[in-house]
Amino acid sequence: MPTADPEPARRPALRSAALIVRRVAATDNSLLEPLGNLLIDAVHSGASIGFLAPVSCETADRYWQGVFASLGEDLLLWVAELDGVVVGTVQLSLCDKDNGRHRAEVQKLLVLRAARGNGVASLLMGELEAEARRRKRSLLFLDTLLASHAEDVYRHLGWSRAGEIPDYATTPDGELFPTVLYFKQLRA
């Protein structure tokens, strides 16, 4: 999971590099391998994102192929690239229920271990929140592993903790663990 933004003294290296965040709107097979590597890196570093370690390349490819097949009005995907290398990703699942068209769920914020602490997560979430506003979504929510580095990121980005659910999912090595729910209300 990503960590909070670093101290300003560590940022110049990132500023000199070409970091871009872009939305992926259709299947892009050139992204399968780098996104698969990113997912494997996240799970093998302890991220509880629906997979148990070890994750195979085939499992990661199947997951991303499913994401690509689901992209459209209800599922949005962004990637962050540093000098042309995929170093992060995030998804936004828009609620399509009549009574929930104001909300969306943030899913799978992943930052490559080697790129963490450089503001990649902040840039991805900034793009995601801007798009949510454009789509008239005023409430975002997500869940993450209790006491994970991701909690620090979300608090840093202004998210509020709503509560926790015990024994919600397993860690990548199979231990039952609580999840924490977060939300953020977006202002126009």
N, C-alpha and C. Protein backbone atom coordinates (compact mmCIF):
# COMPACT_ATOMS: atom_id res chain seq x y z
N MET A 1 0.84 -1.18 0.00
CA MET A 1 0.00 0.00 0.00
C MET A 1 0.89 1.24 0.00
N PRO A 2 0.37 2.34 -0.57
CA PRO A 2 1.18 3.55 -0.62
C PRO A 2 1.35 4.17 0.76
N THR A 3 2.35 5.02 0.87
CA THR A 3 2.57 5.73 2.11
C THR A 3 2.27 7.19 1.90
N ALA A 4 2.24 7.94 2.99
CA ALA A 4 1.93 9.37 2.93
C ALA A 4 3.01 10.11 2.14
N ASP A 5 2.68 11.32 1.70
CA ASP A 5 3.63 12.14 0.96
C ASP A 5 4.88 12.35 1.79
N PRO A 6 6.03 12.43 1.11
CA PRO A 6 7.29 12.58 1.82
C PRO A 6 7.51 14.01 2.26
N GLU A 7 8.58 14.20 3.01
CA GLU A 7 8.98 15.55 3.38
C GLU A 7 9.42 16.27 2.11
N PRO A 8 9.26 17.60 2.04
CA PRO A 8 9.62 18.33 0.83
C PRO A 8 11.04 18.09 0.35
N ALA A 9 11.96 17.79 1.23
CA ALA A 9 13.35 17.59 0.83
C ALA A 9 13.51 16.39 -0.09
N ARG A 10 12.58 15.44 -0.08
CA ARG A 10 12.70 14.26 -0.93
C ARG A 10 12.02 14.45 -2.27
N ARG A 11 11.33 15.52 -2.50
CA ARG A 11 10.56 15.68 -3.72
C ARG A 11 11.34 16.09 -4.97
N PRO A 12 12.47 16.76 -4.90
CA PRO A 12 13.12 17.21 -6.14
C PRO A 12 13.37 16.10 -7.15
N ALA A 13 13.68 14.90 -6.73
CA ALA A 13 13.93 13.82 -7.68
C ALA A 13 12.70 13.56 -8.53
N LEU A 14 11.52 13.58 -7.92
CA LEU A 14 10.29 13.36 -8.66
C LEU A 14 10.03 14.52 -9.61
N ARG A 15 10.27 15.73 -9.18
CA ARG A 15 10.03 16.90 -10.03
C ARG A 15 10.89 16.88 -11.29
N SER A 16 12.07 16.29 -11.21
CA SER A 16 12.93 16.25 -12.38
C SER A 16 12.54 15.11 -13.32
N ALA A 17 11.73 14.20 -12.86
CA ALA A 17 11.29 13.09 -13.68
C ALA A 17 9.94 13.45 -14.33
N ALA A 18 9.60 12.71 -15.36
CA ALA A 18 8.34 12.94 -16.06
C ALA A 18 7.26 12.04 -15.48
N LEU A 19 6.46 12.55 -14.55
CA LEU A 19 5.37 11.80 -13.94
C LEU A 19 4.07 12.28 -14.56
N ILE A 20 3.33 11.36 -15.16
CA ILE A 20 2.04 11.71 -15.72
C ILE A 20 0.99 10.75 -15.18
N VAL A 21 -0.22 11.27 -15.05
CA VAL A 21 -1.37 10.45 -14.68
C VAL A 21 -2.34 10.57 -15.84
N ARG A 22 -2.80 9.42 -16.30
CA ARG A 22 -3.76 9.44 -17.42
C ARG A 22 -4.86 8.42 -17.19
N ARG A 23 -6.02 8.75 -17.72
CA ARG A 23 -7.15 7.84 -17.63
C ARG A 23 -7.07 6.84 -18.77
N VAL A 24 -7.35 5.58 -18.46
CA VAL A 24 -7.38 4.51 -19.45
C VAL A 24 -8.84 4.19 -19.70
N ALA A 25 -9.30 4.45 -20.92
CA ALA A 25 -10.73 4.31 -21.21
C ALA A 25 -11.07 3.04 -21.98
N ALA A 26 -10.06 2.32 -22.45
CA ALA A 26 -10.33 1.11 -23.23
C ALA A 26 -9.19 0.12 -23.00
N THR A 27 -9.40 -1.09 -23.46
CA THR A 27 -8.37 -2.12 -23.34
C THR A 27 -7.08 -1.63 -23.96
N ASP A 28 -6.01 -1.76 -23.20
CA ASP A 28 -4.68 -1.40 -23.68
C ASP A 28 -3.75 -2.55 -23.29
N ASN A 29 -3.56 -3.48 -24.21
CA ASN A 29 -2.76 -4.67 -23.90
C ASN A 29 -1.32 -4.36 -23.52
N SER A 30 -0.82 -3.19 -23.91
CA SER A 30 0.54 -2.83 -23.52
C SER A 30 0.64 -2.56 -22.02
N LEU A 31 -0.51 -2.36 -21.36
CA LEU A 31 -0.53 -2.13 -19.91
C LEU A 31 -0.67 -3.41 -19.09
N LEU A 32 -1.01 -4.53 -19.75
CA LEU A 32 -1.24 -5.77 -18.99
C LEU A 32 -0.04 -6.17 -18.14
N GLU A 33 1.12 -6.24 -18.72
CA GLU A 33 2.30 -6.68 -17.96
C GLU A 33 2.66 -5.69 -16.86
N PRO A 34 2.77 -4.36 -17.16
CA PRO A 34 3.13 -3.45 -16.07
C PRO A 34 2.08 -3.37 -14.96
N LEU A 35 0.80 -3.43 -15.32
CA LEU A 35 -0.23 -3.43 -14.27
C LEU A 35 -0.20 -4.74 -13.48
N GLY A 36 0.07 -5.84 -14.16
CA GLY A 36 0.22 -7.12 -13.47
C GLY A 36 1.38 -7.09 -12.49
N ASN A 37 2.50 -6.54 -12.93
CA ASN A 37 3.67 -6.41 -12.05
C ASN A 37 3.36 -5.52 -10.85
N LEU A 38 2.60 -4.46 -11.08
CA LEU A 38 2.21 -3.56 -10.00
C LEU A 38 1.32 -4.28 -8.98
N LEU A 39 0.35 -5.05 -9.47
CA LEU A 39 -0.52 -5.81 -8.57
C LEU A 39 0.29 -6.82 -7.76
N ILE A 40 1.18 -7.54 -8.41
CA ILE A 40 2.01 -8.53 -7.72
C ILE A 40 2.88 -7.84 -6.67
N ASP A 41 3.49 -6.72 -7.03
CA ASP A 41 4.32 -5.97 -6.09
C ASP A 41 3.50 -5.54 -4.87
N ALA A 42 2.28 -5.08 -5.09
CA ALA A 42 1.43 -4.63 -3.98
C ALA A 42 1.08 -5.78 -3.05
N VAL A 43 0.63 -6.89 -3.62
CA VAL A 43 0.25 -8.03 -2.78
C VAL A 43 1.46 -8.58 -2.04
N HIS A 44 2.58 -8.68 -2.70
CA HIS A 44 3.78 -9.24 -2.07
C HIS A 44 4.38 -8.29 -1.04
N SER A 45 3.91 -7.03 -1.03
CA SER A 45 4.35 -6.10 0.02
C SER A 45 3.29 -5.96 1.11
N GLY A 46 2.25 -6.81 1.07
CA GLY A 46 1.29 -6.85 2.16
C GLY A 46 -0.05 -6.21 1.91
N ALA A 47 -0.30 -5.68 0.72
CA ALA A 47 -1.58 -5.05 0.43
C ALA A 47 -2.70 -6.09 0.36
N SER A 48 -3.77 -5.83 1.08
CA SER A 48 -4.93 -6.71 1.06
C SER A 48 -5.91 -6.17 0.01
N ILE A 49 -5.76 -6.65 -1.21
CA ILE A 49 -6.56 -6.13 -2.32
C ILE A 49 -7.30 -7.24 -3.05
N GLY A 50 -7.59 -8.31 -2.33
CA GLY A 50 -8.38 -9.39 -2.91
C GLY A 50 -7.60 -10.60 -3.38
N PHE A 51 -6.30 -10.62 -3.14
CA PHE A 51 -5.46 -11.71 -3.61
C PHE A 51 -4.63 -12.26 -2.46
N LEU A 52 -4.31 -13.55 -2.55
CA LEU A 52 -3.41 -14.18 -1.59
C LEU A 52 -2.04 -14.36 -2.26
N ALA A 53 -0.99 -14.22 -1.49
CA ALA A 53 0.37 -14.40 -2.00
C ALA A 53 0.69 -15.88 -2.03
N PRO A 54 1.48 -16.32 -2.97
CA PRO A 54 2.03 -15.54 -4.07
C PRO A 54 1.01 -15.41 -5.21
N VAL A 55 1.07 -14.30 -5.92
CA VAL A 55 0.19 -14.05 -7.06
C VAL A 55 0.98 -14.36 -8.33
N SER A 56 0.40 -15.15 -9.21
CA SER A 56 1.07 -15.49 -10.47
C SER A 56 0.80 -14.41 -11.51
N CYS A 57 1.64 -14.38 -12.51
CA CYS A 57 1.43 -13.44 -13.63
C CYS A 57 0.11 -13.73 -14.33
N GLU A 58 -0.26 -15.00 -14.44
CA GLU A 58 -1.51 -15.38 -15.10
C GLU A 58 -2.71 -14.84 -14.32
N THR A 59 -2.66 -14.95 -12.99
CA THR A 59 -3.75 -14.44 -12.16
C THR A 59 -3.85 -12.92 -12.30
N ALA A 60 -2.73 -12.25 -12.28
CA ALA A 60 -2.72 -10.79 -12.43
C ALA A 60 -3.26 -10.39 -13.81
N ASP A 61 -2.84 -11.09 -14.86
CA ASP A 61 -3.34 -10.79 -16.21
C ASP A 61 -4.85 -10.98 -16.30
N ARG A 62 -5.35 -12.07 -15.73
CA ARG A 62 -6.81 -12.32 -15.75
C ARG A 62 -7.55 -11.18 -15.05
N TYR A 63 -7.02 -10.75 -13.91
CA TYR A 63 -7.66 -9.66 -13.19
C TYR A 63 -7.74 -8.40 -14.07
N TRP A 64 -6.60 -8.00 -14.64
CA TRP A 64 -6.59 -6.76 -15.43
C TRP A 64 -7.40 -6.89 -16.71
N GLN A 65 -7.44 -8.08 -17.31
CA GLN A 65 -8.30 -8.28 -18.48
C GLN A 65 -9.76 -8.07 -18.10
N GLY A 66 -10.15 -8.53 -16.90
CA GLY A 66 -11.50 -8.30 -16.41
C GLY A 66 -11.79 -6.83 -16.18
N VAL A 67 -10.80 -6.10 -15.64
CA VAL A 67 -10.97 -4.66 -15.45
C VAL A 67 -11.16 -3.99 -16.80
N PHE A 68 -10.30 -4.31 -17.77
CA PHE A 68 -10.42 -3.70 -19.10
C PHE A 68 -11.80 -3.98 -19.70
N ALA A 69 -12.29 -5.20 -19.52
CA ALA A 69 -13.61 -5.56 -20.07
C ALA A 69 -14.74 -4.79 -19.40
N SER A 70 -14.51 -4.32 -18.18
CA SER A 70 -15.56 -3.61 -17.42
C SER A 70 -15.49 -2.10 -17.56
N LEU A 71 -14.42 -1.58 -18.17
CA LEU A 71 -14.29 -0.13 -18.28
C LEU A 71 -15.45 0.45 -19.08
N GLY A 72 -15.93 1.59 -18.64
CA GLY A 72 -17.06 2.23 -19.31
C GLY A 72 -17.61 3.32 -18.42
N GLU A 73 -18.91 3.48 -18.45
CA GLU A 73 -19.56 4.53 -17.66
C GLU A 73 -19.50 4.28 -16.16
N ASP A 74 -19.44 3.01 -15.75
CA ASP A 74 -19.50 2.69 -14.32
C ASP A 74 -18.15 2.38 -13.69
N LEU A 75 -17.12 2.14 -14.47
CA LEU A 75 -15.79 1.84 -13.93
C LEU A 75 -14.74 2.65 -14.69
N LEU A 76 -13.96 3.43 -13.94
CA LEU A 76 -12.92 4.28 -14.51
C LEU A 76 -11.58 3.83 -13.96
N LEU A 77 -10.53 3.97 -14.77
CA LEU A 77 -9.19 3.51 -14.41
C LEU A 77 -8.17 4.58 -14.78
N TRP A 78 -7.22 4.82 -13.87
CA TRP A 78 -6.11 5.72 -14.12
C TRP A 78 -4.80 4.97 -13.90
N VAL A 79 -3.76 5.38 -14.62
CA VAL A 79 -2.41 4.90 -14.36
C VAL A 79 -1.50 6.11 -14.20
N ALA A 80 -0.49 5.93 -13.36
CA ALA A 80 0.57 6.93 -13.21
C ALA A 80 1.82 6.33 -13.81
N GLU A 81 2.50 7.13 -14.65
CA GLU A 81 3.72 6.66 -15.30
C GLU A 81 4.85 7.64 -14.98
N LEU A 82 5.96 7.08 -14.58
CA LEU A 82 7.15 7.86 -14.28
C LEU A 82 8.19 7.52 -15.34
N ASP A 83 8.51 8.50 -16.15
CA ASP A 83 9.43 8.28 -17.28
C ASP A 83 9.00 7.08 -18.12
N GLY A 84 7.69 6.95 -18.35
CA GLY A 84 7.16 5.90 -19.19
C GLY A 84 6.93 4.56 -18.51
N VAL A 85 7.23 4.45 -17.23
CA VAL A 85 7.06 3.20 -16.48
C VAL A 85 5.83 3.33 -15.57
N VAL A 86 4.93 2.36 -15.62
CA VAL A 86 3.74 2.38 -14.77
C VAL A 86 4.17 2.20 -13.32
N VAL A 87 3.85 3.20 -12.48
CA VAL A 87 4.22 3.15 -11.08
C VAL A 87 3.01 3.22 -10.15
N GLY A 88 1.81 3.41 -10.71
CA GLY A 88 0.64 3.49 -9.86
C GLY A 88 -0.64 3.37 -10.66
N THR A 89 -1.71 3.08 -9.95
CA THR A 89 -3.03 2.97 -10.58
C THR A 89 -4.10 3.15 -9.52
N VAL A 90 -5.30 3.50 -9.97
CA VAL A 90 -6.47 3.58 -9.09
C VAL A 90 -7.71 3.43 -9.97
N GLN A 91 -8.79 2.95 -9.34
CA GLN A 91 -10.06 2.77 -10.05
C GLN A 91 -11.16 3.49 -9.29
N LEU A 92 -12.19 3.89 -10.03
CA LEU A 92 -13.37 4.50 -9.44
C LEU A 92 -14.59 3.78 -9.99
N SER A 93 -15.38 3.19 -9.09
CA SER A 93 -16.61 2.49 -9.46
C SER A 93 -17.78 3.39 -9.12
N LEU A 94 -18.47 3.85 -10.16
CA LEU A 94 -19.59 4.77 -10.00
C LEU A 94 -20.87 3.99 -9.70
N CYS A 95 -21.56 4.38 -8.65
CA CYS A 95 -22.82 3.72 -8.30
C CYS A 95 -23.84 4.05 -9.38
N ASP A 96 -24.54 3.02 -9.88
CA ASP A 96 -25.55 3.26 -10.93
C ASP A 96 -26.98 3.13 -10.41
N LYS A 97 -27.13 2.97 -9.10
CA LYS A 97 -28.47 2.90 -8.51
C LYS A 97 -29.09 4.30 -8.50
N ASP A 98 -30.39 4.38 -8.71
CA ASP A 98 -31.06 5.68 -8.74
C ASP A 98 -30.80 6.50 -7.49
N ASN A 99 -30.78 5.84 -6.33
CA ASN A 99 -30.61 6.58 -5.09
C ASN A 99 -29.15 6.75 -4.69
N GLY A 100 -28.22 6.34 -5.57
CA GLY A 100 -26.81 6.42 -5.23
C GLY A 100 -25.96 7.09 -6.29
N ARG A 101 -26.59 7.81 -7.19
CA ARG A 101 -25.83 8.42 -8.29
C ARG A 101 -24.94 9.57 -7.84
N HIS A 102 -24.95 9.85 -6.56
CA HIS A 102 -24.09 10.90 -6.00
C HIS A 102 -22.80 10.31 -5.40
N ARG A 103 -22.66 8.99 -5.42
CA ARG A 103 -21.51 8.37 -4.74
C ARG A 103 -20.73 7.45 -5.68
N ALA A 104 -19.50 7.14 -5.23
CA ALA A 104 -18.64 6.23 -5.99
C ALA A 104 -17.64 5.59 -5.04
N GLU A 105 -17.16 4.41 -5.40
CA GLU A 105 -16.19 3.68 -4.57
C GLU A 105 -14.80 3.73 -5.20
N VAL A 106 -13.83 4.10 -4.40
CA VAL A 106 -12.43 4.07 -4.82
C VAL A 106 -11.92 2.64 -4.62
N GLN A 107 -11.26 2.11 -5.64
CA GLN A 107 -10.78 0.74 -5.58
C GLN A 107 -9.32 0.66 -6.04
N LYS A 108 -8.57 -0.20 -5.41
CA LYS A 108 -7.23 -0.61 -5.83
C LYS A 108 -6.28 0.56 -6.11
N LEU A 109 -6.10 1.43 -5.13
CA LEU A 109 -5.03 2.41 -5.22
C LEU A 109 -3.73 1.67 -4.96
N LEU A 110 -2.90 1.56 -5.98
CA LEU A 110 -1.64 0.81 -5.90
C LEU A 110 -0.50 1.70 -6.35
N VAL A 111 0.59 1.70 -5.59
CA VAL A 111 1.80 2.41 -5.98
C VAL A 111 2.97 1.44 -5.84
N LEU A 112 3.76 1.34 -6.87
CA LEU A 112 4.94 0.48 -6.87
C LEU A 112 5.83 0.82 -5.68
N ARG A 113 6.31 -0.18 -4.96
CA ARG A 113 7.14 0.06 -3.78
C ARG A 113 8.28 1.04 -4.05
N ALA A 114 8.93 0.90 -5.17
CA ALA A 114 10.09 1.75 -5.50
C ALA A 114 9.69 3.20 -5.73
N ALA A 115 8.40 3.47 -5.96
CA ALA A 115 7.95 4.84 -6.25
C ALA A 115 7.19 5.47 -5.08
N ARG A 116 7.01 4.74 -4.01
CA ARG A 116 6.25 5.26 -2.88
C ARG A 116 6.97 6.40 -2.20
N GLY A 117 6.19 7.30 -1.61
CA GLY A 117 6.76 8.43 -0.90
C GLY A 117 7.10 9.60 -1.80
N ASN A 118 6.63 9.58 -3.03
CA ASN A 118 6.92 10.64 -3.99
C ASN A 118 5.67 11.37 -4.48
N GLY A 119 4.54 11.16 -3.83
CA GLY A 119 3.33 11.87 -4.21
C GLY A 119 2.52 11.22 -5.32
N VAL A 120 2.87 10.00 -5.72
CA VAL A 120 2.14 9.32 -6.79
C VAL A 120 0.68 9.10 -6.39
N ALA A 121 0.46 8.61 -5.18
CA ALA A 121 -0.91 8.36 -4.71
C ALA A 121 -1.70 9.67 -4.68
N SER A 122 -1.08 10.75 -4.25
CA SER A 122 -1.77 12.05 -4.20
C SER A 122 -2.19 12.49 -5.59
N LEU A 123 -1.31 12.32 -6.58
CA LEU A 123 -1.66 12.72 -7.94
C LEU A 123 -2.79 11.86 -8.50
N LEU A 124 -2.71 10.55 -8.28
CA LEU A 124 -3.78 9.67 -8.75
C LEU A 124 -5.12 10.04 -8.11
N MET A 125 -5.11 10.23 -6.79
CA MET A 125 -6.36 10.55 -6.11
C MET A 125 -6.88 11.94 -6.51
N GLY A 126 -5.98 12.87 -6.80
CA GLY A 126 -6.41 14.18 -7.27
C GLY A 126 -7.15 14.09 -8.60
N GLU A 127 -6.63 13.29 -9.52
CA GLU A 127 -7.30 13.10 -10.82
C GLU A 127 -8.65 12.40 -10.63
N LEU A 128 -8.66 11.37 -9.78
CA LEU A 128 -9.89 10.64 -9.51
C LEU A 128 -10.95 11.56 -8.91
N GLU A 129 -10.57 12.37 -7.93
CA GLU A 129 -11.54 13.26 -7.29
C GLU A 129 -12.04 14.32 -8.27
N ALA A 130 -11.18 14.83 -9.12
CA ALA A 130 -11.60 15.83 -10.11
C ALA A 130 -12.62 15.23 -11.07
N GLU A 131 -12.38 14.00 -11.51
CA GLU A 131 -13.33 13.34 -12.41
C GLU A 131 -14.65 13.04 -11.68
N ALA A 132 -14.57 12.64 -10.43
CA ALA A 132 -15.80 12.39 -9.66
C ALA A 132 -16.63 13.67 -9.57
N ARG A 133 -15.98 14.79 -9.33
CA ARG A 133 -16.71 16.08 -9.29
C ARG A 133 -17.35 16.37 -10.64
N ARG A 134 -16.61 16.17 -11.74
CA ARG A 134 -17.15 16.41 -13.08
C ARG A 134 -18.39 15.56 -13.33
N ARG A 135 -18.41 14.40 -12.72
CA ARG A 135 -19.54 13.48 -12.89
C ARG A 135 -20.60 13.65 -11.80
N LYS A 136 -20.50 14.75 -11.09
CA LYS A 136 -21.49 15.12 -10.05
C LYS A 136 -21.56 14.11 -8.92
N ARG A 137 -20.42 13.52 -8.57
CA ARG A 137 -20.34 12.61 -7.43
C ARG A 137 -19.84 13.42 -6.24
N SER A 138 -20.62 13.42 -5.18
CA SER A 138 -20.27 14.23 -4.01
C SER A 138 -19.79 13.41 -2.82
N LEU A 139 -19.84 12.09 -2.93
CA LEU A 139 -19.41 11.22 -1.83
C LEU A 139 -18.59 10.07 -2.39
N LEU A 140 -17.38 9.94 -1.88
CA LEU A 140 -16.52 8.82 -2.24
C LEU A 140 -16.31 7.96 -0.99
N PHE A 141 -16.14 6.66 -1.19
CA PHE A 141 -15.87 5.77 -0.06
C PHE A 141 -14.91 4.68 -0.50
N LEU A 142 -14.28 4.05 0.50
CA LEU A 142 -13.34 2.96 0.23
C LEU A 142 -13.14 2.17 1.50
N ASP A 143 -12.50 1.02 1.36
CA ASP A 143 -12.08 0.27 2.54
C ASP A 143 -10.62 -0.11 2.37
N THR A 144 -9.93 -0.25 3.49
CA THR A 144 -8.52 -0.61 3.48
C THR A 144 -8.19 -1.38 4.75
N LEU A 145 -7.10 -2.09 4.71
CA LEU A 145 -6.65 -2.89 5.84
C LEU A 145 -6.34 -2.01 7.05
N LEU A 146 -6.84 -2.39 8.20
CA LEU A 146 -6.59 -1.66 9.44
C LEU A 146 -5.08 -1.56 9.70
N ALA A 147 -4.64 -0.37 10.08
CA ALA A 147 -3.26 -0.08 10.45
C ALA A 147 -2.27 -0.18 9.28
N SER A 148 -2.79 -0.12 8.06
CA SER A 148 -1.91 -0.17 6.88
C SER A 148 -1.36 1.23 6.59
N HIS A 149 -0.33 1.28 5.77
CA HIS A 149 0.21 2.56 5.33
C HIS A 149 -0.84 3.35 4.55
N ALA A 150 -1.75 2.64 3.91
CA ALA A 150 -2.80 3.31 3.14
C ALA A 150 -3.65 4.22 4.03
N GLU A 151 -3.87 3.81 5.27
CA GLU A 151 -4.63 4.68 6.18
C GLU A 151 -3.96 6.04 6.31
N ASP A 152 -2.64 6.06 6.42
CA ASP A 152 -1.91 7.33 6.51
C ASP A 152 -2.15 8.18 5.26
N VAL A 153 -2.13 7.54 4.11
CA VAL A 153 -2.34 8.26 2.84
C VAL A 153 -3.73 8.90 2.84
N TYR A 154 -4.74 8.11 3.15
CA TYR A 154 -6.11 8.63 3.08
C TYR A 154 -6.33 9.76 4.08
N ARG A 155 -5.82 9.62 5.28
CA ARG A 155 -5.94 10.71 6.26
C ARG A 155 -5.23 11.96 5.76
N HIS A 156 -4.04 11.78 5.20
CA HIS A 156 -3.27 12.91 4.64
C HIS A 156 -4.07 13.62 3.54
N LEU A 157 -4.84 12.87 2.78
CA LEU A 157 -5.61 13.43 1.67
C LEU A 157 -6.99 13.94 2.09
N GLY A 158 -7.25 13.97 3.40
CA GLY A 158 -8.49 14.56 3.89
C GLY A 158 -9.68 13.62 4.00
N TRP A 159 -9.42 12.34 3.99
CA TRP A 159 -10.50 11.36 4.13
C TRP A 159 -10.84 11.18 5.61
N SER A 160 -12.09 10.82 5.87
CA SER A 160 -12.58 10.59 7.24
C SER A 160 -12.82 9.11 7.47
N ARG A 161 -12.44 8.66 8.65
CA ARG A 161 -12.64 7.26 9.03
C ARG A 161 -14.08 7.09 9.50
N ALA A 162 -14.77 6.10 8.94
CA ALA A 162 -16.16 5.85 9.30
C ALA A 162 -16.30 4.72 10.31
N GLY A 163 -15.35 3.81 10.35
CA GLY A 163 -15.43 2.69 11.27
C GLY A 163 -14.68 1.50 10.72
N GLU A 164 -14.78 0.39 11.45
CA GLU A 164 -14.08 -0.81 11.01
C GLU A 164 -14.98 -2.03 11.14
N ILE A 165 -14.64 -3.05 10.36
CA ILE A 165 -15.36 -4.32 10.37
C ILE A 165 -14.35 -5.40 10.72
N PRO A 166 -14.59 -6.16 11.80
CA PRO A 166 -13.61 -7.19 12.19
C PRO A 166 -13.62 -8.36 11.20
N ASP A 167 -12.48 -9.01 11.08
CA ASP A 167 -12.35 -10.24 10.27
C ASP A 167 -12.98 -10.10 8.88
N TYR A 168 -12.79 -8.98 8.24
CA TYR A 168 -13.42 -8.69 6.95
C TYR A 168 -12.77 -9.45 5.81
N ALA A 169 -11.47 -9.47 5.80
CA ALA A 169 -10.73 -10.14 4.72
C ALA A 169 -9.44 -10.70 5.29
N THR A 170 -8.73 -11.42 4.45
CA THR A 170 -7.45 -11.93 4.91
C THR A 170 -6.32 -11.08 4.34
N THR A 171 -5.23 -11.06 5.06
CA THR A 171 -4.02 -10.45 4.55
C THR A 171 -3.52 -11.34 3.41
N PRO A 172 -2.57 -10.88 2.62
CA PRO A 172 -2.07 -11.73 1.53
C PRO A 172 -1.53 -13.09 1.98
N ASP A 173 -1.12 -13.18 3.26
CA ASP A 173 -0.64 -14.48 3.74
C ASP A 173 -1.72 -15.28 4.47
N GLY A 174 -3.00 -14.84 4.38
CA GLY A 174 -4.11 -15.65 4.85
C GLY A 174 -4.65 -15.37 6.23
N GLU A 175 -4.15 -14.38 6.95
CA GLU A 175 -4.63 -14.08 8.30
C GLU A 175 -5.87 -13.17 8.24
N LEU A 176 -6.95 -13.55 8.94
CA LEU A 176 -8.14 -12.70 8.99
C LEU A 176 -7.78 -11.37 9.64
N PHE A 177 -8.29 -10.28 9.07
CA PHE A 177 -7.92 -8.95 9.55
C PHE A 177 -9.08 -8.00 9.36
N PRO A 178 -9.18 -6.98 10.22
CA PRO A 178 -10.25 -6.00 10.05
C PRO A 178 -9.99 -5.06 8.88
N THR A 179 -11.07 -4.53 8.34
CA THR A 179 -10.97 -3.48 7.33
C THR A 179 -11.50 -2.20 7.94
N VAL A 180 -11.02 -1.08 7.43
CA VAL A 180 -11.44 0.23 7.88
C VAL A 180 -12.14 0.92 6.72
N LEU A 181 -13.27 1.53 7.02
CA LEU A 181 -14.04 2.26 6.00
C LEU A 181 -13.70 3.75 6.09
N TYR A 182 -13.49 4.35 4.94
CA TYR A 182 -13.20 5.79 4.85
C TYR A 182 -14.17 6.42 3.85
N PHE A 183 -14.42 7.71 4.04
CA PHE A 183 -15.25 8.45 3.08
C PHE A 183 -14.69 9.86 2.92
N LYS A 184 -15.09 10.47 1.82
CA LYS A 184 -14.72 11.86 1.59
C LYS A 184 -15.88 12.52 0.85
N GLN A 185 -16.34 13.62 1.42
CA GLN A 185 -17.37 14.41 0.76
C GLN A 185 -16.69 15.45 -0.10
N LEU A 186 -17.08 15.48 -1.36
CA LEU A 186 -16.49 16.41 -2.31
C LEU A 186 -17.33 17.67 -2.42
N ARG A 187 -16.67 18.77 -2.45
CA ARG A 187 -17.34 20.05 -2.63
C ARG A 187 -17.10 20.50 -4.06
N ALA A 188 -18.08 21.17 -4.62
CA ALA A 188 -17.99 21.63 -6.01
C ALA A 188 -16.86 22.59 -6.24
